[in-house]
Protein backbone atom coordinates (compact mmCIF):
# COMPACT_ATOMS: atom_id res chain seq x y z
CA MET A 1 77.53 102.62 117.66
CA GLY A 2 81.24 101.81 118.09
CA GLN A 3 83.65 100.93 115.31
CA SER A 4 83.63 97.32 114.16
CA TRP A 5 87.38 97.10 113.55
CA LYS A 6 90.44 97.05 115.78
CA PRO A 7 93.83 98.59 114.90
CA LEU A 8 96.93 96.43 115.11
CA SER A 9 99.22 96.73 118.12
CA ARG A 10 102.92 97.50 117.66
CA THR A 11 103.67 93.81 118.22
CA GLU A 12 101.10 92.75 115.62
CA MET A 13 102.49 95.25 113.11
CA ALA A 14 106.01 93.92 113.62
CA ALA A 15 104.84 90.33 113.17
CA ARG A 16 103.00 91.33 109.98
CA VAL A 17 106.16 92.87 108.51
CA ALA A 18 108.31 89.91 109.56
CA ARG A 19 105.95 87.55 107.80
CA ASP A 20 106.60 89.22 104.44
CA ILE A 21 110.42 89.24 104.58
CA PRO A 22 111.79 86.58 102.20
CA GLU A 23 114.35 83.98 103.16
CA GLY A 24 117.97 85.08 102.80
CA TRP A 25 117.46 88.85 102.78
CA TYR A 26 119.79 91.27 104.55
CA VAL A 27 117.51 93.66 106.43
CA ASN A 28 118.18 96.94 108.24
CA LEU A 29 115.68 97.92 110.94
CA GLY A 30 115.31 101.61 111.73
CA ILE A 31 114.99 103.14 115.17
CA GLY A 32 111.59 102.89 116.88
CA MET A 33 108.85 100.50 115.78
CA PRO A 34 110.94 98.72 113.14
CA THR A 35 113.32 97.31 115.78
CA LEU A 36 110.44 95.10 117.00
CA VAL A 37 110.55 93.15 113.73
CA SER A 38 113.66 91.23 114.84
CA ASP A 39 111.63 89.68 117.68
CA HIS A 40 109.22 88.13 115.16
CA ILE A 41 111.44 86.50 112.55
CA PRO A 42 110.25 82.86 112.62
CA ALA A 43 112.69 80.33 114.06
CA GLY A 44 114.66 78.72 111.27
CA LYS A 45 113.98 81.51 108.76
CA ASP A 46 117.33 82.74 107.45
CA VAL A 47 117.00 86.55 107.61
CA ILE A 48 120.14 88.54 108.43
CA ILE A 49 119.37 91.67 110.46
CA HIS A 50 121.80 94.58 110.02
CA SER A 51 122.23 97.59 112.32
CA GLU A 52 124.16 100.60 111.00
CA ASN A 53 126.21 100.93 114.17
CA GLY A 54 128.04 97.77 113.14
CA ILE A 55 126.03 94.56 113.62
CA VAL A 56 125.48 91.96 110.92
CA GLY A 57 123.36 89.14 112.30
CA MET A 58 121.41 90.91 115.03
CA GLY A 59 119.04 88.77 117.06
CA PRO A 60 115.98 89.62 119.18
CA GLN A 61 116.10 91.63 122.38
CA PRO A 62 117.61 89.66 125.27
CA LYS A 63 115.84 88.54 128.41
CA PRO A 64 116.53 90.85 131.39
CA ASP A 65 118.96 88.37 132.97
CA ALA A 66 120.93 87.92 129.73
CA VAL A 67 121.74 91.53 128.80
CA ASN A 68 125.18 92.28 127.36
CA PRO A 69 125.64 96.02 128.07
CA TRP A 70 128.14 96.30 125.20
CA LEU A 71 125.74 94.95 122.58
CA VAL A 72 123.20 97.56 121.44
CA ASN A 73 121.50 98.51 118.20
CA ALA A 74 121.48 101.93 116.54
CA GLY A 75 118.66 103.00 118.87
CA LYS A 76 120.75 102.09 121.95
CA GLN A 77 118.50 99.12 122.78
CA TYR A 78 120.04 95.92 124.10
CA VAL A 79 120.08 93.18 121.46
CA THR A 80 121.55 89.74 120.87
CA LEU A 81 123.84 88.32 118.21
CA VAL A 82 122.75 85.23 116.29
CA THR A 83 125.09 82.30 115.71
CA GLY A 84 127.50 83.38 112.97
CA GLY A 85 126.74 87.07 113.49
CA ALA A 86 129.50 89.68 113.37
CA ILE A 87 130.51 93.03 114.80
CA VAL A 88 131.98 95.25 112.08
CA HIS A 89 133.48 98.72 111.83
CA HIS A 90 131.02 101.59 111.43
CA ALA A 91 132.53 102.41 108.04
CA ASP A 92 132.11 98.81 106.86
CA SER A 93 128.49 98.87 108.01
CA PHE A 94 127.80 101.98 105.94
CA GLY A 95 129.76 100.44 103.09
CA MET A 96 127.15 97.68 103.03
CA ILE A 97 124.40 100.30 102.83
CA ARG A 98 126.04 102.57 100.25
CA GLY A 99 127.20 99.60 98.20
CA GLY A 100 123.64 98.33 97.70
CA HIS A 101 124.10 95.19 99.80
CA ILE A 102 121.00 95.70 102.00
CA ASP A 103 117.98 93.98 100.47
CA LEU A 104 115.44 95.78 102.64
CA CYS A 105 115.27 98.64 105.08
CA VAL A 106 112.28 99.14 107.38
CA LEU A 107 111.86 102.68 108.71
CA GLY A 108 109.32 104.73 110.63
CA ALA A 109 107.74 107.84 109.12
CA PHE A 110 106.11 111.15 109.87
CA GLN A 111 104.71 111.29 106.31
CA VAL A 112 104.77 109.19 103.13
CA ALA A 113 103.69 110.72 99.81
CA GLU A 114 101.80 108.84 97.11
CA ASN A 115 104.88 109.03 94.85
CA GLY A 116 107.03 107.30 97.51
CA ASP A 117 108.69 110.37 99.03
CA LEU A 118 109.55 109.91 102.71
CA ALA A 119 109.70 112.44 105.56
CA ASN A 120 110.88 110.84 108.79
CA TRP A 121 113.48 113.05 110.45
CA ALA A 122 111.97 116.46 111.30
CA THR A 123 108.51 117.87 111.95
CA LEU A 124 109.53 121.57 112.02
CA ASP A 125 108.64 121.54 115.73
CA ASP A 126 111.25 123.56 117.63
CA ALA A 127 110.82 121.23 120.61
CA MET A 128 112.10 118.30 118.54
CA PRO A 129 115.68 118.84 117.34
CA PRO A 130 116.57 117.32 113.93
CA ALA A 131 118.23 113.91 114.03
CA VAL A 132 118.40 112.45 110.52
CA GLY A 133 120.90 109.71 111.45
CA GLY A 134 121.57 107.15 108.72
CA ALA A 135 118.08 107.31 107.21
CA MET A 136 119.15 109.25 104.11
CA ASP A 137 121.87 106.70 103.36
CA LEU A 138 119.38 103.87 103.79
CA CYS A 139 116.80 105.51 101.50
CA ALA A 140 119.44 105.88 98.80
CA GLY A 141 121.36 102.64 99.29
CA ALA A 142 118.92 99.89 100.30
CA GLN A 143 117.39 97.82 97.50
CA ARG A 144 113.88 98.49 98.80
CA LEU A 145 112.26 100.48 101.59
CA TRP A 146 109.23 99.53 103.69
CA ILE A 147 107.60 101.85 106.21
CA MET A 148 105.99 101.06 109.58
CA THR A 149 103.79 103.83 110.94
CA ASP A 150 100.34 104.63 112.27
CA GLN A 151 97.72 105.57 109.71
CA THR A 152 97.21 108.95 111.38
CA THR A 153 98.88 111.17 113.94
CA LYS A 154 97.60 111.32 117.53
CA SER A 155 95.50 114.32 116.49
CA GLY A 156 94.00 112.43 113.55
CA GLU A 157 96.01 113.96 110.70
CA PRO A 158 96.82 111.51 107.89
CA LYS A 159 100.39 110.30 107.54
CA LEU A 160 99.83 109.03 103.99
CA VAL A 161 99.52 112.16 101.86
CA GLU A 162 99.61 113.49 98.31
CA ARG A 163 102.81 115.46 99.00
CA CYS A 164 104.96 115.63 102.12
CA THR A 165 104.97 118.93 103.98
CA TYR A 166 107.84 117.99 106.31
CA PRO A 167 111.52 117.98 105.25
CA LEU A 168 112.23 115.02 102.99
CA THR A 169 114.48 112.11 103.89
CA GLY A 170 114.35 110.46 100.47
CA LEU A 171 112.72 110.91 97.06
CA ALA A 172 110.44 108.25 95.55
CA CYS A 173 112.08 105.58 97.72
CA VAL A 174 109.17 103.87 99.54
CA SER A 175 107.75 100.70 97.99
CA ARG A 176 105.42 99.46 100.75
CA VAL A 177 103.72 100.91 103.84
CA TYR A 178 102.51 98.94 106.87
CA THR A 179 100.19 100.91 109.14
CA ASN A 180 98.18 99.93 112.20
CA VAL A 181 95.11 99.46 110.00
CA ALA A 182 96.28 98.52 106.49
CA VAL A 183 99.07 97.54 104.11
CA PHE A 184 99.73 99.52 100.93
CA ASP A 185 102.04 99.11 97.96
CA VAL A 186 103.40 102.35 96.51
CA SER A 187 103.36 102.30 92.72
CA VAL A 188 103.26 104.76 89.84
CA SER A 189 99.51 104.88 90.50
CA GLY A 190 99.95 105.89 94.16
CA PHE A 191 98.80 103.98 97.24
CA GLU A 192 97.46 100.54 96.27
CA LEU A 193 95.59 98.75 99.05
CA VAL A 194 96.93 95.26 99.79
CA GLU A 195 94.84 94.54 102.87
CA ALA A 196 93.00 96.24 105.72
CA VAL A 197 92.18 95.05 109.22
CA PRO A 198 88.93 93.05 109.37
CA GLY A 199 85.84 95.23 109.49
CA LEU A 200 87.48 98.41 108.17
CA GLY A 201 85.69 99.58 105.03
CA ILE A 202 87.41 101.33 102.13
CA ASP A 203 85.43 104.55 102.65
CA GLU A 204 86.45 104.84 106.29
CA LEU A 205 90.06 104.01 105.40
CA GLN A 206 89.98 106.70 102.71
CA ASP A 207 88.82 109.23 105.31
CA MET A 208 92.00 108.41 107.28
CA THR A 209 94.24 108.91 104.25
CA GLY A 210 95.41 112.16 102.68
CA ALA A 211 95.71 110.72 99.16
CA THR A 212 93.52 108.57 96.93
CA ILE A 213 93.57 104.84 97.70
CA ARG A 214 93.46 102.51 94.72
CA GLY A 215 92.72 98.82 94.49
CA LYS A 216 95.34 96.31 93.40
CA GLY A 217 95.50 95.45 89.74
């Protein structure tokens, strides 16, 4: 008998994150999955997207016939600039981060620990050279940190764990995790389940998680 639930696609995950971002927040989107979030900010919702390479007011990815080759995000993807957006010096961009002016950062992850520790820059695999980028600054400087990641690795190992075994990017910095099957808040009690995809039971979700899942409240 096949499973009765369906994991979210990357697009669905991005739309789910975008839905939760409050009006007026300044938001940094990390390289990889998080960059998709900018494509799903509802029209008319005033969310200012920041990219650490020097964009304040980043819009969605352009259509193929409207690409500006000089306008890219930190992941070297072509992007657009919203009305009123600005190009700033790299140092000014990091001044926003280090000065605590970013309301939210959304990053990818290799592992998230139940105490909020994040490992997202190295897997100890010699075939993957380290590339920490600005993630450490964002973990330390952003007001809050949300994670977008799959619930498990391709081989089925849990990404939500009791303690990270990969090199850490930040300590006790994650407040919420969005996976392809569930949403969790990270509190002093560990991973608190906010919601799961329809049809996915708590026992099966627990089997996909390397730390104890707790209910809200």
